Amino acid sequence: MTLQQLKYILAISAYGSMNKAAEQLYVSQPSLTSSVQELEKEIGIKIFNRSGKGVTLTNDGAEFLQYARQVVSQFDVLAEKYISKGGIKKKFGVSTQHYSFAVKAFVEMVKEFDTSEYEFAIRETKTLEIISDVATLRSEIGIIYLNDFNRQSMTKLLSSNGLKFHALTNCNPFVYIWKGHPLASQKSISFEQLDEFPCLSFEQGDNSSFYLAEEILSTNDYQRIIKANDRATMLNLMIGLNGYTLCSGIICEELNGSDYIAVPFESGNDEVMEIGYITLKNVILSELAETYLAKLKGYLSIQ
């Protein structure tokens, strides 16, 4: 097994075609096919199903691809640090729950680098996709939260994907609403006061469990609930429908605008959100990842 063979596998999976991958890799199609067959023979599994419509990963191949992506990515980090002197675009990605502070730190990090030399990506997405992105090194860093309700299930899920949670900060829950909301003048808001207003929740997919929710108290019996899948829509629903969501209280006015406020939530118990980031276990973080984390920690420390 060679690093080149692993790169071949990644390219074939990305393009879904031996011919297209061969064109991009500047190798002949027979040579590429032969290399894959040799690898499959060596490791004892079939990586791709081949048909007239192209190639698809087998179940074994999908699992192998995750490990291959990790190896290639870590090699690229080492090459960037000790070998490369330019010429290759370095990549960095963050996958996060819908936190404006995560985006703000990303913006500040990107400002320090020449975007013509780097390929940046930030993905505000579902909790399971964050875990998958980091497990496959599509993103180096993932931003999520843990609390007493989801900690056991999430820790088990992270461990099974070879991931580690690193705590950043603890915060009490807040009610996030627009400034014109009927409850905006309250010093704190209880669950009972929110009963007549729609609760806004980020959609987690058809097979989601309560412990994957971005909002705390996801098992409460909400009389009115509306799902959304992006932060801009959530903010529009706050104004248009007097909706609310439960959040960390760490908001970035520069990105979300000044029309929204976070009011302390009276949960009736000691609810605490532990916000942190996830990485692969024993991973070597890139310079970009280290810079992003420094910006993130710096921003959270002044809140």
C-alpha atoms as a PDB file:
ATOM      1  CA  MET A   1       0.000   0.000   0.000  1.00  0.00           C
ATOM      2  CA  THR A   2       1.387   3.390  -1.004  1.00  0.00           C
ATOM      3  CA  LEU A   3       0.403   6.992  -0.427  1.00  0.00           C
ATOM      4  CA  GLN A   4      -0.088   7.362  -4.172  1.00  0.00           C
ATOM      5  CA  GLN A   5      -2.602   4.510  -4.198  1.00  0.00           C
ATOM      6  CA  LEU A   6      -4.536   6.184  -1.385  1.00  0.00           C
ATOM      7  CA  LYS A   7      -4.638   9.432  -3.372  1.00  0.00           C
ATOM      8  CA  TYR A   8      -5.910   7.468  -6.365  1.00  0.00           C
ATOM      9  CA  ILE A   9      -8.749   6.041  -4.259  1.00  0.00           C
ATOM     10  CA  LEU A  10      -9.747   9.501  -3.036  1.00  0.00           C
ATOM     11  CA  ALA A  11      -9.771  10.897  -6.565  1.00  0.00           C
ATOM     12  CA  ILE A  12     -11.834   8.030  -7.984  1.00  0.00           C
ATOM     13  CA  SER A  13     -14.374   8.392  -5.186  1.00  0.00           C
ATOM     14  CA  ALA A  14     -14.581  12.155  -5.724  1.00  0.00           C
ATOM     15  CA  TYR A  15     -15.143  11.925  -9.494  1.00  0.00           C
ATOM     16  CA  GLY A  16     -17.176   8.708  -9.522  1.00  0.00           C
ATOM     17  CA  SER A  17     -15.361   7.608 -12.637  1.00  0.00           C
ATOM     18  CA  MET A  18     -12.070   5.903 -13.457  1.00  0.00           C
ATOM     19  CA  ASN A  19     -11.734   7.898 -16.679  1.00  0.00           C
ATOM     20  CA  LYS A  20     -12.349  11.292 -15.060  1.00  0.00           C
ATOM     21  CA  ALA A  21     -10.011  10.484 -12.183  1.00  0.00           C
ATOM     22  CA  ALA A  22      -7.297   9.353 -14.614  1.00  0.00           C
ATOM     23  CA  GLU A  23      -7.607  12.646 -16.528  1.00  0.00           C
ATOM     24  CA  GLN A  24      -7.252  14.692 -13.357  1.00  0.00           C
ATOM     25  CA  LEU A  25      -4.352  12.591 -12.076  1.00  0.00           C
ATOM     26  CA  TYR A  26      -2.553  12.629 -15.465  1.00  0.00           C
ATOM     27  CA  VAL A  27      -2.242   8.833 -15.569  1.00  0.00           C
ATOM     28  CA  SER A  28      -3.616   6.349 -18.054  1.00  0.00           C
ATOM     29  CA  GLN A  29      -6.913   4.683 -17.214  1.00  0.00           C
ATOM     30  CA  PRO A  30      -5.440   1.145 -17.465  1.00  0.00           C
ATOM     31  CA  SER A  31      -2.609   2.137 -15.118  1.00  0.00           C
ATOM     32  CA  LEU A  32      -5.075   3.576 -12.606  1.00  0.00           C
ATOM     33  CA  THR A  33      -7.282   0.504 -12.762  1.00  0.00           C
ATOM     34  CA  SER A  34      -4.293  -1.782 -12.300  1.00  0.00           C
ATOM     35  CA  SER A  35      -3.111   0.178  -9.267  1.00  0.00           C
ATOM     36  CA  VAL A  36      -6.525  -0.065  -7.616  1.00  0.00           C
ATOM     37  CA  GLN A  37      -6.767  -3.784  -8.316  1.00  0.00           C
ATOM     38  CA  GLU A  38      -3.342  -4.327  -6.762  1.00  0.00           C
ATOM     39  CA  LEU A  39      -4.409  -2.422  -3.663  1.00  0.00           C
ATOM     40  CA  GLU A  40      -7.672  -4.361  -3.386  1.00  0.00           C
ATOM     41  CA  LYS A  41      -5.738  -7.627  -3.662  1.00  0.00           C
ATOM     42  CA  GLU A  42      -3.246  -6.523  -1.014  1.00  0.00           C
ATOM     43  CA  ILE A  43      -5.804  -5.458   1.590  1.00  0.00           C
ATOM     44  CA  GLY A  44      -8.294  -8.206   0.820  1.00  0.00           C
ATOM     45  CA  ILE A  45     -11.399  -6.114   0.162  1.00  0.00           C
ATOM     46  CA  LYS A  46     -13.252  -4.757  -2.850  1.00  0.00           C
ATOM     47  CA  ILE A  47     -13.186  -0.961  -2.714  1.00  0.00           C
ATOM     48  CA  PHE A  48     -15.332  -0.068  -5.720  1.00  0.00           C
ATOM     49  CA  ASN A  49     -18.313  -1.498  -7.545  1.00  0.00           C
ATOM     50  CA  ARG A  50     -17.847  -0.900 -11.256  1.00  0.00           C
ATOM     51  CA  SER A  51     -20.641  -0.445 -13.809  1.00  0.00           C
ATOM     52  CA  GLY A  52     -21.319   1.282 -17.086  1.00  0.00           C
ATOM     53  CA  LYS A  53     -22.457   4.358 -15.143  1.00  0.00           C
ATOM     54  CA  GLY A  54     -19.195   4.687 -13.243  1.00  0.00           C
ATOM     55  CA  VAL A  55     -17.872   3.460  -9.909  1.00  0.00           C
ATOM     56  CA  THR A  56     -19.363   3.485  -6.418  1.00  0.00           C
ATOM     57  CA  LEU A  57     -17.881   2.605  -3.072  1.00  0.00           C
ATOM     58  CA  THR A  58     -18.653  -0.731  -1.472  1.00  0.00           C
ATOM     59  CA  ASN A  59     -19.423  -0.795   2.257  1.00  0.00           C
ATOM     60  CA  ASP A  60     -15.859  -1.949   2.915  1.00  0.00           C
ATOM     61  CA  GLY A  61     -14.603   0.707   0.517  1.00  0.00           C
ATOM     62  CA  ALA A  62     -16.478   3.482   2.332  1.00  0.00           C
ATOM     63  CA  GLU A  63     -14.860   2.487   5.614  1.00  0.00           C
ATOM     64  CA  PHE A  64     -11.424   2.222   3.978  1.00  0.00           C
ATOM     65  CA  LEU A  65     -11.897   5.661   2.415  1.00  0.00           C
ATOM     66  CA  GLN A  66     -12.287   7.268   5.857  1.00  0.00           C
ATOM     67  CA  TYR A  67      -8.903   5.934   6.968  1.00  0.00           C
ATOM     68  CA  ALA A  68      -7.309   6.779   3.626  1.00  0.00           C
ATOM     69  CA  ARG A  69      -8.507  10.379   3.865  1.00  0.00           C
ATOM     70  CA  GLN A  70      -7.044  10.692   7.356  1.00  0.00           C
ATOM     71  CA  VAL A  71      -3.667   9.338   6.250  1.00  0.00           C
ATOM     72  CA  VAL A  72      -3.464  11.601   3.188  1.00  0.00           C
ATOM     73  CA  SER A  73      -4.590  14.643   5.152  1.00  0.00           C
ATOM     74  CA  GLN A  74      -2.045  14.076   7.900  1.00  0.00           C
ATOM     75  CA  PHE A  75       0.684  13.577   5.305  1.00  0.00           C
ATOM     76  CA  ASP A  76      -0.284  16.909   3.760  1.00  0.00           C
ATOM     77  CA  VAL A  77       0.015  18.581   7.177  1.00  0.00           C
ATOM     78  CA  LEU A  78       3.506  17.116   7.630  1.00  0.00           C
ATOM     79  CA  ALA A  79       4.514  18.088   4.100  1.00  0.00           C
ATOM     80  CA  GLU A  80       3.243  21.623   4.674  1.00  0.00           C
ATOM     81  CA  LYS A  81       5.290  21.935   7.860  1.00  0.00           C
ATOM     82  CA  TYR A  82       8.532  20.268   6.816  1.00  0.00           C
ATOM     83  CA  ILE A  83       8.696  19.968   3.026  1.00  0.00           C
ATOM     84  CA  SER A  84       6.445  22.221   0.950  1.00  0.00           C
ATOM     85  CA  LYS A  85       7.652  25.703   0.136  1.00  0.00           C
ATOM     86  CA  GLY A  86       4.562  26.808  -1.736  1.00  0.00           C
ATOM     87  CA  GLY A  87       2.839  25.920  -4.984  1.00  0.00           C
ATOM     88  CA  ILE A  88       0.146  23.734  -3.411  1.00  0.00           C
ATOM     89  CA  LYS A  89      -3.018  25.286  -1.987  1.00  0.00           C
ATOM     90  CA  LYS A  90      -3.369  24.379   1.669  1.00  0.00           C
ATOM     91  CA  LYS A  91      -6.881  23.457   2.816  1.00  0.00           C
ATOM     92  CA  PHE A  92      -8.690  24.190   6.046  1.00  0.00           C
ATOM     93  CA  GLY A  93     -12.298  23.523   6.977  1.00  0.00           C
ATOM     94  CA  VAL A  94     -14.499  24.051  10.038  1.00  0.00           C
ATOM     95  CA  SER A  95     -17.868  22.396  10.574  1.00  0.00           C
ATOM     96  CA  THR A  96     -20.042  23.954  13.254  1.00  0.00           C
ATOM     97  CA  GLN A  97     -23.440  24.164  14.783  1.00  0.00           C
ATOM     98  CA  HIS A  98     -25.063  27.519  14.074  1.00  0.00           C
ATOM     99  CA  TYR A  99     -22.838  29.759  16.196  1.00  0.00           C
ATOM    100  CA  SER A 100     -22.046  33.276  14.985  1.00  0.00           C
ATOM    101  CA  PHE A 101     -18.937  33.342  17.200  1.00  0.00           C
ATOM    102  CA  ALA A 102     -17.541  30.354  15.270  1.00  0.00           C
ATOM    103  CA  VAL A 103     -18.005  32.279  12.030  1.00  0.00           C
ATOM    104  CA  LYS A 104     -16.506  35.451  13.547  1.00  0.00           C
ATOM    105  CA  ALA A 105     -13.349  33.556  14.595  1.00  0.00           C
ATOM    106  CA  PHE A 106     -13.160  32.063  11.091  1.00  0.00           C
ATOM    107  CA  VAL A 107     -13.353  35.524   9.528  1.00  0.00           C
ATOM    108  CA  GLU A 108     -10.568  36.825  11.764  1.00  0.00           C
ATOM    109  CA  MET A 109      -8.409  33.787  11.005  1.00  0.00           C
ATOM    110  CA  VAL A 110      -8.824  34.115   7.223  1.00  0.00           C
ATOM    111  CA  LYS A 111      -7.763  37.774   7.387  1.00  0.00           C
ATOM    112  CA  GLU A 112      -4.290  36.638   8.461  1.00  0.00           C
ATOM    113  CA  PHE A 113      -3.690  34.527   5.368  1.00  0.00           C
ATOM    114  CA  ASP A 114      -3.506  35.125   1.624  1.00  0.00           C
ATOM    115  CA  THR A 115      -6.724  33.590   0.297  1.00  0.00           C
ATOM    116  CA  SER A 116      -5.071  33.016  -3.085  1.00  0.00           C
ATOM    117  CA  GLU A 117      -2.803  30.444  -1.431  1.00  0.00           C
ATOM    118  CA  TYR A 118      -5.404  28.659   0.682  1.00  0.00           C
ATOM    119  CA  GLU A 119      -8.701  26.878   0.235  1.00  0.00           C
ATOM    120  CA  PHE A 120     -10.982  27.734   3.160  1.00  0.00           C
ATOM    121  CA  ALA A 121     -14.378  26.279   4.044  1.00  0.00           C
ATOM    122  CA  ILE A 122     -16.817  26.817   6.899  1.00  0.00           C
ATOM    123  CA  ARG A 123     -19.915  24.665   7.161  1.00  0.00           C
ATOM    124  CA  GLU A 124     -22.835  25.500   9.458  1.00  0.00           C
ATOM    125  CA  THR A 125     -24.576  22.165   9.449  1.00  0.00           C
ATOM    126  CA  LYS A 126     -26.307  19.349  11.317  1.00  0.00           C
ATOM    127  CA  THR A 127     -24.669  17.738  14.347  1.00  0.00           C
ATOM    128  CA  LEU A 128     -24.193  14.337  12.692  1.00  0.00           C
ATOM    129  CA  GLU A 129     -22.638  15.963   9.630  1.00  0.00           C
ATOM    130  CA  ILE A 130     -20.187  17.837  11.857  1.00  0.00           C
ATOM    131  CA  ILE A 131     -19.098  14.535  13.372  1.00  0.00           C
ATOM    132  CA  SER A 132     -18.820  12.927   9.937  1.00  0.00           C
ATOM    133  CA  ASP A 133     -16.893  15.892   8.490  1.00  0.00           C
ATOM    134  CA  VAL A 134     -14.268  15.760  11.240  1.00  0.00           C
ATOM    135  CA  ALA A 135     -14.082  11.949  11.287  1.00  0.00           C
ATOM    136  CA  THR A 136     -13.249  11.960   7.571  1.00  0.00           C
ATOM    137  CA  LEU A 137     -11.066  15.091   7.844  1.00  0.00           C
ATOM    138  CA  ARG A 138     -13.320  16.996   5.491  1.00  0.00           C
ATOM    139  CA  SER A 139     -13.025  19.534   8.301  1.00  0.00           C
ATOM    140  CA  GLU A 140     -10.193  19.683  10.825  1.00  0.00           C
ATOM    141  CA  ILE A 141     -12.308  21.260  13.544  1.00  0.00           C
ATOM    142  CA  GLY A 142     -15.941  20.794  14.592  1.00  0.00           C
ATOM    143  CA  ILE A 143     -17.828  23.079  17.016  1.00  0.00           C
ATOM    144  CA  ILE A 144     -20.563  21.527  19.182  1.00  0.00           C
ATOM    145  CA  TYR A 145     -21.850  21.647  22.749  1.00  0.00           C
ATOM    146  CA  LEU A 146     -22.412  19.083  25.499  1.00  0.00           C
ATOM    147  CA  ASN A 147     -24.675  19.196  28.537  1.00  0.00           C
ATOM    148  CA  ASP A 148     -25.955  16.785  31.156  1.00  0.00           C
ATOM    149  CA  PHE A 149     -28.693  15.526  28.843  1.00  0.00           C
ATOM    150  CA  ASN A 150     -26.647  14.698  25.745  1.00  0.00           C
ATOM    151  CA  ARG A 151     -23.179  14.102  27.219  1.00  0.00           C
ATOM    152  CA  GLN A 152     -23.297  10.327  27.574  1.00  0.00           C
ATOM    153  CA  SER A 153     -24.758   9.670  24.132  1.00  0.00           C
ATOM    154  CA  MET A 154     -22.578  12.241  22.384  1.00  0.00           C
ATOM    155  CA  THR A 155     -19.390  11.051  24.098  1.00  0.00           C
ATOM    156  CA  LYS A 156     -20.120   7.513  22.964  1.00  0.00           C
ATOM    157  CA  LEU A 157     -20.813   8.699  19.407  1.00  0.00           C
ATOM    158  CA  LEU A 158     -17.626  10.750  19.305  1.00  0.00           C
ATOM    159  CA  SER A 159     -15.540   7.866  20.653  1.00  0.00           C
ATOM    160  CA  SER A 160     -16.922   5.426  18.085  1.00  0.00           C
ATOM    161  CA  ASN A 161     -15.809   7.857  15.351  1.00  0.00           C
ATOM    162  CA  GLY A 162     -12.312   8.279  16.788  1.00  0.00           C
ATOM    163  CA  LEU A 163     -12.990  11.845  17.923  1.00  0.00           C
ATOM    164  CA  LYS A 164     -12.110  13.837  21.027  1.00  0.00           C
ATOM    165  CA  PHE A 165     -14.045  16.725  22.608  1.00  0.00           C
ATOM    166  CA  HIS A 166     -12.068  19.732  23.880  1.00  0.00           C
ATOM    167  CA  ALA A 167     -13.954  22.121  26.182  1.00  0.00           C
ATOM    168  CA  LEU A 168     -13.802  25.855  25.466  1.00  0.00           C
ATOM    169  CA  THR A 169     -16.314  27.544  27.762  1.00  0.00           C
ATOM    170  CA  ASN A 170     -19.385  26.961  29.919  1.00  0.00           C
ATOM    171  CA  CYS A 171     -22.455  29.150  29.660  1.00  0.00           C
ATOM    172  CA  ASN A 172     -25.983  29.341  30.987  1.00  0.00           C
ATOM    173  CA  PRO A 173     -28.872  29.240  28.504  1.00  0.00           C
ATOM    174  CA  PHE A 174     -30.440  32.379  27.064  1.00  0.00           C
ATOM    175  CA  VAL A 175     -33.606  33.100  25.088  1.00  0.00           C
ATOM    176  CA  TYR A 176     -32.673  34.615  21.739  1.00  0.00           C
ATOM    177  CA  ILE A 177     -35.337  36.992  20.357  1.00  0.00           C
ATOM    178  CA  TRP A 178     -35.616  40.192  18.334  1.00  0.00           C
ATOM    179  CA  LYS A 179     -35.735  43.581  20.069  1.00  0.00           C
ATOM    180  CA  GLY A 180     -39.396  44.114  19.168  1.00  0.00           C
ATOM    181  CA  HIS A 181     -40.537  40.875  20.829  1.00  0.00           C
ATOM    182  CA  PRO A 182     -43.226  41.301  23.564  1.00  0.00           C
ATOM    183  CA  LEU A 183     -40.796  39.781  26.105  1.00  0.00           C
ATOM    184  CA  ALA A 184     -37.753  41.817  25.069  1.00  0.00           C
ATOM    185  CA  SER A 185     -37.922  44.084  28.129  1.00  0.00           C
ATOM    186  CA  GLN A 186     -37.867  41.193  30.614  1.00  0.00           C
ATOM    187  CA  LYS A 187     -34.777  40.710  32.782  1.00  0.00           C
ATOM    188  CA  SER A 188     -35.270  36.949  32.481  1.00  0.00           C
ATOM    189  CA  ILE A 189     -37.762  34.683  30.721  1.00  0.00           C
ATOM    190  CA  SER A 190     -39.383  31.457  31.941  1.00  0.00           C
ATOM    191  CA  PHE A 191     -40.611  28.525  29.912  1.00  0.00           C
ATOM    192  CA  GLU A 192     -44.221  29.385  30.794  1.00  0.00           C
ATOM    193  CA  GLN A 193     -43.856  32.900  29.367  1.00  0.00           C
ATOM    194  CA  LEU A 194     -42.740  31.434  26.047  1.00  0.00           C
ATOM    195  CA  ASP A 195     -45.742  29.147  25.665  1.00  0.00           C
ATOM    196  CA  GLU A 196     -47.647  31.386  23.228  1.00  0.00           C
ATOM    197  CA  PHE A 197     -44.657  31.965  20.957  1.00  0.00           C
ATOM    198  CA  PRO A 198     -43.180  29.544  18.373  1.00  0.00           C
ATOM    199  CA  CYS A 199     -39.962  27.799  19.365  1.00  0.00           C
ATOM    200  CA  LEU A 200     -37.418  27.836  16.529  1.00  0.00           C
ATOM    201  CA  SER A 201     -35.171  24.821  16.186  1.00  0.00           C
ATOM    202  CA  PHE A 202     -32.441  23.876  13.741  1.00  0.00           C
ATOM    203  CA  GLU A 203     -33.419  20.817  11.715  1.00  0.00           C
ATOM    204  CA  GLN A 204     -31.273  17.736  12.315  1.00  0.00           C
ATOM    205  CA  GLY A 205     -32.634  15.351   9.652  1.00  0.00           C
ATOM    206  CA  ASP A 206     -35.221  12.592   9.521  1.00  0.00           C
ATOM    207  CA  ASN A 207     -33.294  10.175  11.742  1.00  0.00           C
ATOM    208  CA  SER A 208     -32.263  12.693  14.384  1.00  0.00           C
ATOM    209  CA  SER A 209     -32.395  11.998  18.106  1.00  0.00           C
ATOM    210  CA  PHE A 210     -33.054  14.537  20.832  1.00  0.00           C
ATOM    211  CA  TYR A 211     -29.419  14.449  21.933  1.00  0.00           C
ATOM    212  CA  LEU A 212     -28.335  15.781  18.505  1.00  0.00           C
ATOM    213  CA  ALA A 213     -30.376  18.972  18.895  1.00  0.00           C
ATOM    214  CA  GLU A 214     -28.515  22.282  18.976  1.00  0.00           C
ATOM    215  CA  GLU A 215     -30.929  23.682  21.527  1.00  0.00           C
ATOM    216  CA  ILE A 216     -31.109  22.590  25.162  1.00  0.00           C
ATOM    217  CA  LEU A 217     -34.357  21.174  26.612  1.00  0.00           C
ATOM    218  CA  SER A 218     -35.090  19.522  23.270  1.00  0.00           C
ATOM    219  CA  THR A 219     -37.388  16.992  24.969  1.00  0.00           C
ATOM    220  CA  ASN A 220     -39.739  19.648  26.357  1.00  0.00           C
ATOM    221  CA  ASP A 221     -43.320  19.566  25.134  1.00  0.00           C
ATOM    222  CA  TYR A 222     -43.413  22.633  22.903  1.00  0.00           C
ATOM    223  CA  GLN A 223     -46.901  23.651  21.763  1.00  0.00           C
ATOM    224  CA  ARG A 224     -45.521  25.557  18.794  1.00  0.00           C
ATOM    225  CA  ILE A 225     -42.309  24.609  17.034  1.00  0.00           C
ATOM    226  CA  ILE A 226     -40.850  25.576  13.661  1.00  0.00           C
ATOM    227  CA  LYS A 227     -37.790  23.954  12.095  1.00  0.00           C
ATOM    228  CA  ALA A 228     -35.225  25.857  10.070  1.00  0.00           C
ATOM    229  CA  ASN A 229     -31.892  24.861   8.569  1.00  0.00           C
ATOM    230  CA  ASP A 230     -29.922  28.099   8.395  1.00  0.00           C
ATOM    231  CA  ARG A 231     -29.190  31.038  10.672  1.00  0.00           C
ATOM    232  CA  ALA A 232     -30.531  33.729   8.321  1.00  0.00           C
ATOM    233  CA  THR A 233     -33.943  32.040   8.120  1.00  0.00           C
ATOM    234  CA  MET A 234     -33.978  31.645  11.903  1.00  0.00           C
ATOM    235  CA  LEU A 235     -33.408  35.384  12.355  1.00  0.00           C
ATOM    236  CA  ASN A 236     -36.165  36.235   9.857  1.00  0.00           C
ATOM    237  CA  LEU A 237     -38.606  33.985  11.724  1.00  0.00           C
ATOM    238  CA  MET A 238     -37.766  35.739  14.976  1.00  0.00           C
ATOM    239  CA  ILE A 239     -38.951  39.031  13.506  1.00  0.00           C
ATOM    240  CA  GLY A 240     -41.805  37.773  11.352  1.00  0.00           C
ATOM    241  CA  LEU A 241     -43.369  35.401  13.892  1.00  0.00           C
ATOM    242  CA  ASN A 242     -42.002  36.577  17.244  1.00  0.00           C
ATOM    243  CA  GLY A 243     -40.221  33.264  17.407  1.00  0.00           C
ATOM    244  CA  TYR A 244     -37.459  32.409  19.859  1.00  0.00           C
ATOM    245  CA  THR A 245     -34.676  29.926  20.273  1.00  0.00           C
ATOM    246  CA  LEU A 246     -32.566  28.830  23.223  1.00  0.00           C
ATOM    247  CA  CYS A 247     -28.886  29.605  22.847  1.00  0.00           C
ATOM    248  CA  SER A 248     -25.574  30.108  24.607  1.00  0.00           C
ATOM    249  CA  GLY A 249     -25.955  33.861  24.845  1.00  0.00           C
ATOM    250  CA  ILE A 250     -22.665  34.318  22.985  1.00  0.00           C
ATOM    251  CA  ILE A 251     -23.794  36.276  19.961  1.00  0.00           C
ATOM    252  CA  CYS A 252     -21.914  38.331  17.410  1.00  0.00           C
ATOM    253  CA  GLU A 253     -23.748  41.564  16.656  1.00  0.00           C
ATOM    254  CA  GLU A 254     -21.313  42.339  13.859  1.00  0.00           C
ATOM    255  CA  LEU A 255     -22.570  39.302  11.914  1.00  0.00           C
ATOM    256  CA  ASN A 256     -26.169  38.883  13.124  1.00  0.00           C
ATOM    257  CA  GLY A 257     -27.024  42.575  13.287  1.00  0.00           C
ATOM    258  CA  SER A 258     -28.224  44.713  16.194  1.00  0.00           C
ATOM    259  CA  ASP A 259     -31.911  43.763  16.031  1.00  0.00           C
ATOM    260  CA  TYR A 260     -31.569  40.747  18.326  1.00  0.00           C
ATOM    261  CA  ILE A 261     -30.979  40.234  22.039  1.00  0.00           C
ATOM    262  CA  ALA A 262     -30.266  37.355  24.395  1.00  0.00           C
ATOM    263  CA  VAL A 263     -32.274  37.307  27.634  1.00  0.00           C
ATOM    264  CA  PRO A 264     -31.361  34.957  30.535  1.00  0.00           C
ATOM    265  CA  PHE A 265     -33.556  31.862  30.602  1.00  0.00           C
ATOM    266  CA  GLU A 266     -35.188  30.636  33.816  1.00  0.00           C
ATOM    267  CA  SER A 267     -34.847  26.892  33.285  1.00  0.00           C
ATOM    268  CA  GLY A 268     -35.767  25.867  36.815  1.00  0.00           C
ATOM    269  CA  ASN A 269     -32.510  23.959  37.241  1.00  0.00           C
ATOM    270  CA  ASP A 270     -28.792  24.426  36.719  1.00  0.00           C
ATOM    271  CA  GLU A 271     -28.697  23.988  32.938  1.00  0.00           C
ATOM    272  CA  VAL A 272     -25.191  24.542  31.566  1.00  0.00           C
ATOM    273  CA  MET A 273     -23.967  24.370  27.983  1.00  0.00           C
ATOM    274  CA  GLU A 274     -20.328  23.303  27.585  1.00  0.00           C
ATOM    275  CA  ILE A 275     -19.193  24.574  24.214  1.00  0.00           C
ATOM    276  CA  GLY A 276     -16.118  22.999  22.707  1.00  0.00           C
ATOM    277  CA  TYR A 277     -14.465  21.686  19.585  1.00  0.00           C
ATOM    278  CA  ILE A 278     -13.866  18.174  18.295  1.00  0.00           C
ATOM    279  CA  THR A 279     -10.864  16.751  16.471  1.00  0.00           C
ATOM    280  CA  LEU A 280      -9.618  13.337  15.540  1.00  0.00           C
ATOM    281  CA  LYS A 281      -7.784  11.681  18.413  1.00  0.00           C
ATOM    282  CA  ASN A 282      -3.996  12.096  18.291  1.00  0.00           C
ATOM    283  CA  VAL A 283      -4.266  14.359  15.261  1.00  0.00           C
ATOM    284  CA  ILE A 284      -1.530  16.826  14.296  1.00  0.00           C
ATOM    285  CA  LEU A 285      -3.316  20.131  13.789  1.00  0.00           C
ATOM    286  CA  SER A 286      -2.284  22.368  10.914  1.00  0.00           C
ATOM    287  CA  GLU A 287      -1.082  25.948  11.348  1.00  0.00           C
ATOM    288  CA  LEU A 288      -4.475  27.110  10.084  1.00  0.00           C
ATOM    289  CA  ALA A 289      -6.311  25.040  12.694  1.00  0.00           C
ATOM    290  CA  GLU A 290      -4.106  26.350  15.492  1.00  0.00           C
ATOM    291  CA  THR A 291      -4.683  29.932  14.337  1.00  0.00           C
ATOM    292  CA  TYR A 292      -8.439  29.385  14.172  1.00  0.00           C
ATOM    293  CA  LEU A 293      -8.526  27.956  17.694  1.00  0.00           C
ATOM    294  CA  ALA A 294      -6.493  30.910  18.995  1.00  0.00           C
ATOM    295  CA  LYS A 295      -9.013  33.324  17.443  1.00  0.00           C
ATOM    296  CA  LEU A 296     -11.917  31.302  18.831  1.00  0.00           C
ATOM    297  CA  LYS A 297     -10.493  31.196  22.358  1.00  0.00           C
ATOM    298  CA  GLY A 298      -9.621  34.873  22.195  1.00  0.00           C
ATOM    299  CA  TYR A 299     -13.160  35.833  21.171  1.00  0.00           C
ATOM    300  CA  LEU A 300     -14.818  33.640  23.823  1.00  0.00           C
ATOM    301  CA  SER A 301     -12.535  34.952  26.573  1.00  0.00           C
ATOM    302  CA  ILE A 302     -13.806  38.512  26.191  1.00  0.00           C
ATOM    303  CA  GLN A 303     -17.498  37.642  26.217  1.00  0.00           C
END
